[in-house]
Amino acid sequence: MNSKEKAARSAYEKIQSKFHKDFILGIGTGSTTNYFIEILKEENPEMKCFVSSSIASSNLLKDAGYDDAELNDVGGPDVYVDGADEVNTKFEAIKGGGGALTREKIIASASKKFICIVDDSKIVKKFGNFPVAVEVIPMARSYVSRQIVAMGCRPTYRIGFVTDNGNQIIDVLNLNFDVPYETEMKLNKIPGVVENGIFSARKADVVIVSDGERTYELE
């Protein structure tokens, strides 16, 4: 069992007693989250439905026999489980490597609890090694990129990628992360930006980490 799978297993064990016929699960996107979905397939816990951040995750859970639901129809999930590209000791995260950041942030914000599952390579003292994904309306991509350059940052268009919302992604390096919340808000104020991958306003409630040998909760 690798470190991602161990983190996913620990997250399942943490919430397994919470499952019931009216339980609503929020589920994210990515390789670590896929391990969590595989565990759901094995354990087959009872739940009302799930709300997913991506078509890919939805298909996996529907194949397991669970009902898909729209956030508009069910309100806030009881628990949201997802991975991250980077997490700091304040439980803030960088997400969006898979391009599902907008839906991930919406579902995380609507959920009662956000459990983030990662391997220990994702834990950092300060963000910056992993680019921040910025979802943009297609017509605004060049304009948004110019505004990001004016901030002293380096944007790169993610060529050939379209989000589940029909938008495009700009990956940004060299952002100022002295105060991640301020950078999150500054990016979102640029006209044409839908959302960015800094999870500071809605950070994780629990971060479960595995280094392959031990699994623990970040404190």
Protein backbone atom coordinates (compact mmCIF):
# COMPACT_ATOMS: atom_id res chain seq x y z
CA MET A 1 0.00 0.00 0.00
CA ASN A 2 1.55 3.31 -1.08
CA SER A 3 1.41 6.59 0.87
CA LYS A 4 -1.53 8.02 -1.08
CA GLU A 5 -3.57 4.89 -0.51
CA LYS A 6 -2.68 4.89 3.19
CA ALA A 7 -3.84 8.50 3.57
CA ALA A 8 -7.08 7.65 1.77
CA ARG A 9 -7.62 4.60 4.00
CA SER A 10 -7.07 6.70 7.12
CA ALA A 11 -9.62 9.27 5.91
CA TYR A 12 -12.18 6.53 5.34
CA GLU A 13 -11.59 5.09 8.80
CA LYS A 14 -12.05 8.56 10.28
CA ILE A 15 -15.51 9.01 8.79
CA GLN A 16 -16.79 5.45 8.36
CA SER A 17 -18.99 5.68 11.45
CA LYS A 18 -20.63 8.84 10.01
CA PHE A 19 -22.16 7.13 6.98
CA HIS A 20 -25.96 6.64 7.06
CA LYS A 21 -28.92 6.68 4.68
CA ASP A 22 -29.05 10.51 4.54
CA PHE A 23 -25.28 11.08 4.38
CA ILE A 24 -24.08 13.32 1.54
CA LEU A 25 -20.46 12.94 0.47
CA GLY A 26 -18.48 15.61 -1.34
CA ILE A 27 -15.69 14.15 -3.44
CA GLY A 28 -12.76 15.80 -5.19
CA THR A 29 -10.52 14.91 -8.11
CA GLY A 30 -7.10 13.35 -8.58
CA SER A 31 -4.96 10.31 -7.91
CA THR A 32 -5.24 10.36 -4.11
CA THR A 33 -8.99 10.88 -4.26
CA ASN A 34 -9.25 7.93 -6.65
CA TYR A 35 -7.82 5.70 -3.93
CA PHE A 36 -10.55 6.93 -1.59
CA ILE A 37 -13.16 6.08 -4.22
CA GLU A 38 -11.69 2.58 -4.58
CA ILE A 39 -12.06 2.12 -0.82
CA LEU A 40 -15.71 3.19 -1.07
CA LYS A 41 -16.20 0.51 -3.73
CA GLU A 42 -14.69 -2.10 -1.42
CA GLU A 43 -16.49 -1.09 1.76
CA ASN A 44 -19.79 -0.06 0.18
CA PRO A 45 -20.96 2.27 2.99
CA GLU A 46 -24.55 3.51 3.00
CA MET A 47 -25.13 7.08 1.82
CA LYS A 48 -27.85 9.13 0.19
CA CYS A 49 -25.72 10.48 -2.66
CA PHE A 50 -22.49 12.21 -3.57
CA VAL A 51 -21.59 15.61 -5.01
CA SER A 52 -18.51 15.51 -7.21
CA SER A 53 -16.06 18.13 -8.43
CA SER A 54 -15.46 16.43 -11.78
CA ILE A 55 -17.03 14.24 -14.41
CA ALA A 56 -14.20 11.73 -13.93
CA SER A 57 -14.89 11.26 -10.22
CA SER A 58 -18.64 11.15 -10.84
CA ASN A 59 -18.24 8.32 -13.33
CA LEU A 60 -16.12 6.29 -10.91
CA LEU A 61 -18.69 6.61 -8.13
CA LYS A 62 -21.65 5.95 -10.39
CA ASP A 63 -19.91 2.79 -11.56
CA ALA A 64 -19.77 1.79 -7.88
CA GLY A 65 -23.54 2.13 -7.66
CA TYR A 66 -23.82 5.48 -5.88
CA ASP A 67 -26.23 8.24 -6.88
CA ASP A 68 -24.85 11.46 -8.33
CA ALA A 69 -26.44 14.74 -7.18
CA GLU A 70 -26.13 18.43 -8.00
CA LEU A 71 -25.11 20.77 -5.20
CA ASN A 72 -28.15 22.93 -5.98
CA ASP A 73 -30.44 20.04 -5.10
CA VAL A 74 -28.95 18.74 -1.85
CA GLY A 75 -27.33 21.62 0.01
CA GLY A 76 -24.01 21.15 1.75
CA PRO A 77 -22.27 17.76 1.89
CA ASP A 78 -21.54 16.36 5.34
CA VAL A 79 -17.90 15.77 4.44
CA TYR A 80 -15.73 16.75 1.48
CA VAL A 81 -12.67 14.57 0.75
CA ASP A 82 -9.97 15.69 -1.66
CA GLY A 83 -6.22 15.79 -2.22
CA ALA A 84 -3.95 18.79 -2.84
CA ASP A 85 -0.85 19.84 -4.75
CA GLU A 86 0.62 21.63 -1.72
CA VAL A 87 -0.51 22.06 1.89
CA ASN A 88 1.03 24.28 4.57
CA THR A 89 0.94 23.99 8.35
CA LYS A 90 -2.04 26.38 8.53
CA PHE A 91 -4.08 23.84 6.50
CA GLU A 92 -4.15 26.18 3.51
CA ALA A 93 -3.72 24.41 0.18
CA ILE A 94 -2.85 24.79 -3.48
CA LYS A 95 -5.14 22.78 -5.74
CA GLY A 96 -5.94 22.65 -9.41
CA GLY A 97 -3.32 20.46 -11.02
CA GLY A 98 -6.19 18.45 -12.44
CA GLY A 99 -8.08 21.56 -13.49
CA ALA A 100 -11.16 21.04 -11.29
CA LEU A 101 -10.32 23.85 -8.84
CA THR A 102 -13.52 25.88 -9.23
CA ARG A 103 -15.88 23.03 -8.51
CA GLU A 104 -13.55 21.77 -5.79
CA LYS A 105 -13.60 25.13 -4.04
CA ILE A 106 -17.37 25.46 -4.34
CA ILE A 107 -18.03 22.02 -2.88
CA ALA A 108 -15.39 22.45 -0.17
CA SER A 109 -16.96 25.78 0.81
CA ALA A 110 -20.44 24.27 0.95
CA SER A 111 -19.36 21.26 3.03
CA LYS A 112 -19.53 20.97 6.81
CA LYS A 113 -16.04 19.43 6.95
CA PHE A 114 -13.14 19.37 4.47
CA ILE A 115 -10.72 16.47 4.87
CA CYS A 116 -7.56 16.83 2.78
CA ILE A 117 -5.56 13.65 2.08
CA VAL A 118 -1.95 13.88 0.88
CA ASP A 119 1.39 12.12 0.87
CA ASP A 120 4.15 13.84 2.83
CA SER A 121 5.78 15.30 -0.30
CA LYS A 122 2.88 17.78 -0.49
CA ILE A 123 3.56 19.37 2.91
CA VAL A 124 5.44 22.68 2.57
CA LYS A 125 6.40 25.57 4.82
CA LYS A 126 5.61 28.08 2.08
CA PHE A 127 3.82 27.77 -1.24
CA GLY A 128 5.53 28.45 -4.54
CA ASN A 129 7.00 25.27 -5.99
CA PHE A 130 3.73 24.21 -7.61
CA PRO A 131 2.04 26.62 -10.08
CA VAL A 132 -1.35 28.02 -9.13
CA ALA A 133 -4.09 27.18 -11.60
CA VAL A 134 -6.32 30.11 -12.53
CA GLU A 135 -9.55 29.28 -14.37
CA VAL A 136 -10.47 31.98 -16.86
CA ILE A 137 -13.26 32.73 -19.30
CA PRO A 138 -11.73 32.01 -22.74
CA MET A 139 -12.19 35.52 -24.17
CA ALA A 140 -10.31 36.99 -21.19
CA ARG A 141 -7.29 34.70 -21.19
CA SER A 142 -4.81 37.14 -22.74
CA TYR A 143 -6.07 40.07 -20.68
CA VAL A 144 -5.85 38.09 -17.44
CA SER A 145 -2.36 36.92 -18.37
CA ARG A 146 -1.22 40.53 -18.87
CA GLN A 147 -2.59 41.50 -15.47
CA ILE A 148 -0.76 38.58 -13.88
CA VAL A 149 2.50 39.60 -15.60
CA ALA A 150 1.97 43.11 -14.17
CA MET A 151 1.91 41.49 -10.72
CA GLY A 152 5.44 40.23 -11.40
CA CYS A 153 4.31 36.67 -12.02
CA ARG A 154 4.74 34.17 -14.84
CA PRO A 155 1.54 32.80 -16.44
CA THR A 156 1.48 29.83 -18.79
CA TYR A 157 -1.56 28.86 -20.83
CA ARG A 158 -2.47 25.19 -20.31
CA ILE A 159 -2.73 24.38 -24.02
CA GLY A 160 -5.50 22.04 -25.13
CA PHE A 161 -7.17 21.84 -21.73
CA VAL A 162 -10.80 22.77 -21.15
CA THR A 163 -12.39 22.61 -17.70
CA ASP A 164 -15.69 20.86 -17.02
CA ASN A 165 -17.13 24.39 -16.95
CA GLY A 166 -15.96 25.06 -20.52
CA ASN A 167 -13.21 27.46 -19.46
CA GLN A 168 -9.42 27.59 -19.80
CA ILE A 169 -6.56 27.36 -17.31
CA ILE A 170 -3.55 29.62 -16.78
CA ASP A 171 -0.83 28.16 -14.54
CA VAL A 172 0.98 30.85 -12.56
CA LEU A 173 4.43 30.88 -10.94
CA ASN A 174 6.23 33.51 -8.84
CA LEU A 175 3.16 34.60 -6.86
CA ASN A 176 3.65 36.31 -3.51
CA PHE A 177 2.70 33.88 -0.75
CA ASP A 178 3.56 35.94 2.32
CA VAL A 179 -0.20 36.05 2.94
CA PRO A 180 -1.92 33.42 0.75
CA TYR A 181 -5.41 34.79 1.49
CA GLU A 182 -4.50 38.21 0.06
CA THR A 183 -3.10 36.66 -3.12
CA GLU A 184 -6.21 34.49 -3.50
CA MET A 185 -8.44 37.57 -3.29
CA LYS A 186 -6.21 39.66 -5.57
CA LEU A 187 -6.32 37.08 -8.36
CA ASN A 188 -10.08 36.72 -8.13
CA LYS A 189 -10.56 40.47 -8.54
CA ILE A 190 -9.15 40.38 -12.08
CA PRO A 191 -12.09 40.56 -14.53
CA GLY A 192 -12.33 37.29 -16.43
CA VAL A 193 -11.00 35.12 -13.59
CA VAL A 194 -13.53 32.50 -12.52
CA GLU A 195 -11.51 31.11 -9.60
CA ASN A 196 -7.96 30.25 -8.57
CA GLY A 197 -6.37 27.28 -6.86
CA ILE A 198 -5.38 28.93 -3.57
CA PHE A 199 -7.50 27.43 -0.79
CA SER A 200 -7.03 29.93 2.01
CA ALA A 201 -10.47 31.46 2.50
CA ARG A 202 -11.75 27.87 2.69
CA LYS A 203 -8.88 25.84 4.05
CA ALA A 204 -9.00 22.22 5.16
CA ASP A 205 -10.42 21.28 8.55
CA VAL A 206 -8.34 18.11 8.73
CA VAL A 207 -5.16 17.19 6.84
CA ILE A 208 -4.26 13.49 6.78
CA VAL A 209 -0.67 12.75 5.74
CA SER A 210 1.18 9.55 4.97
CA ASP A 211 4.89 9.06 4.34
CA GLY A 212 4.45 5.40 3.41
CA GLU A 213 5.39 4.13 6.86
CA ARG A 214 3.18 6.16 9.16
CA THR A 215 -0.04 8.07 8.72
CA TYR A 216 -0.92 11.07 10.86
CA GLU A 217 -3.04 14.20 11.10
CA LEU A 218 -1.26 17.50 10.59
CA GLU A 219 -1.29 19.70 13.64
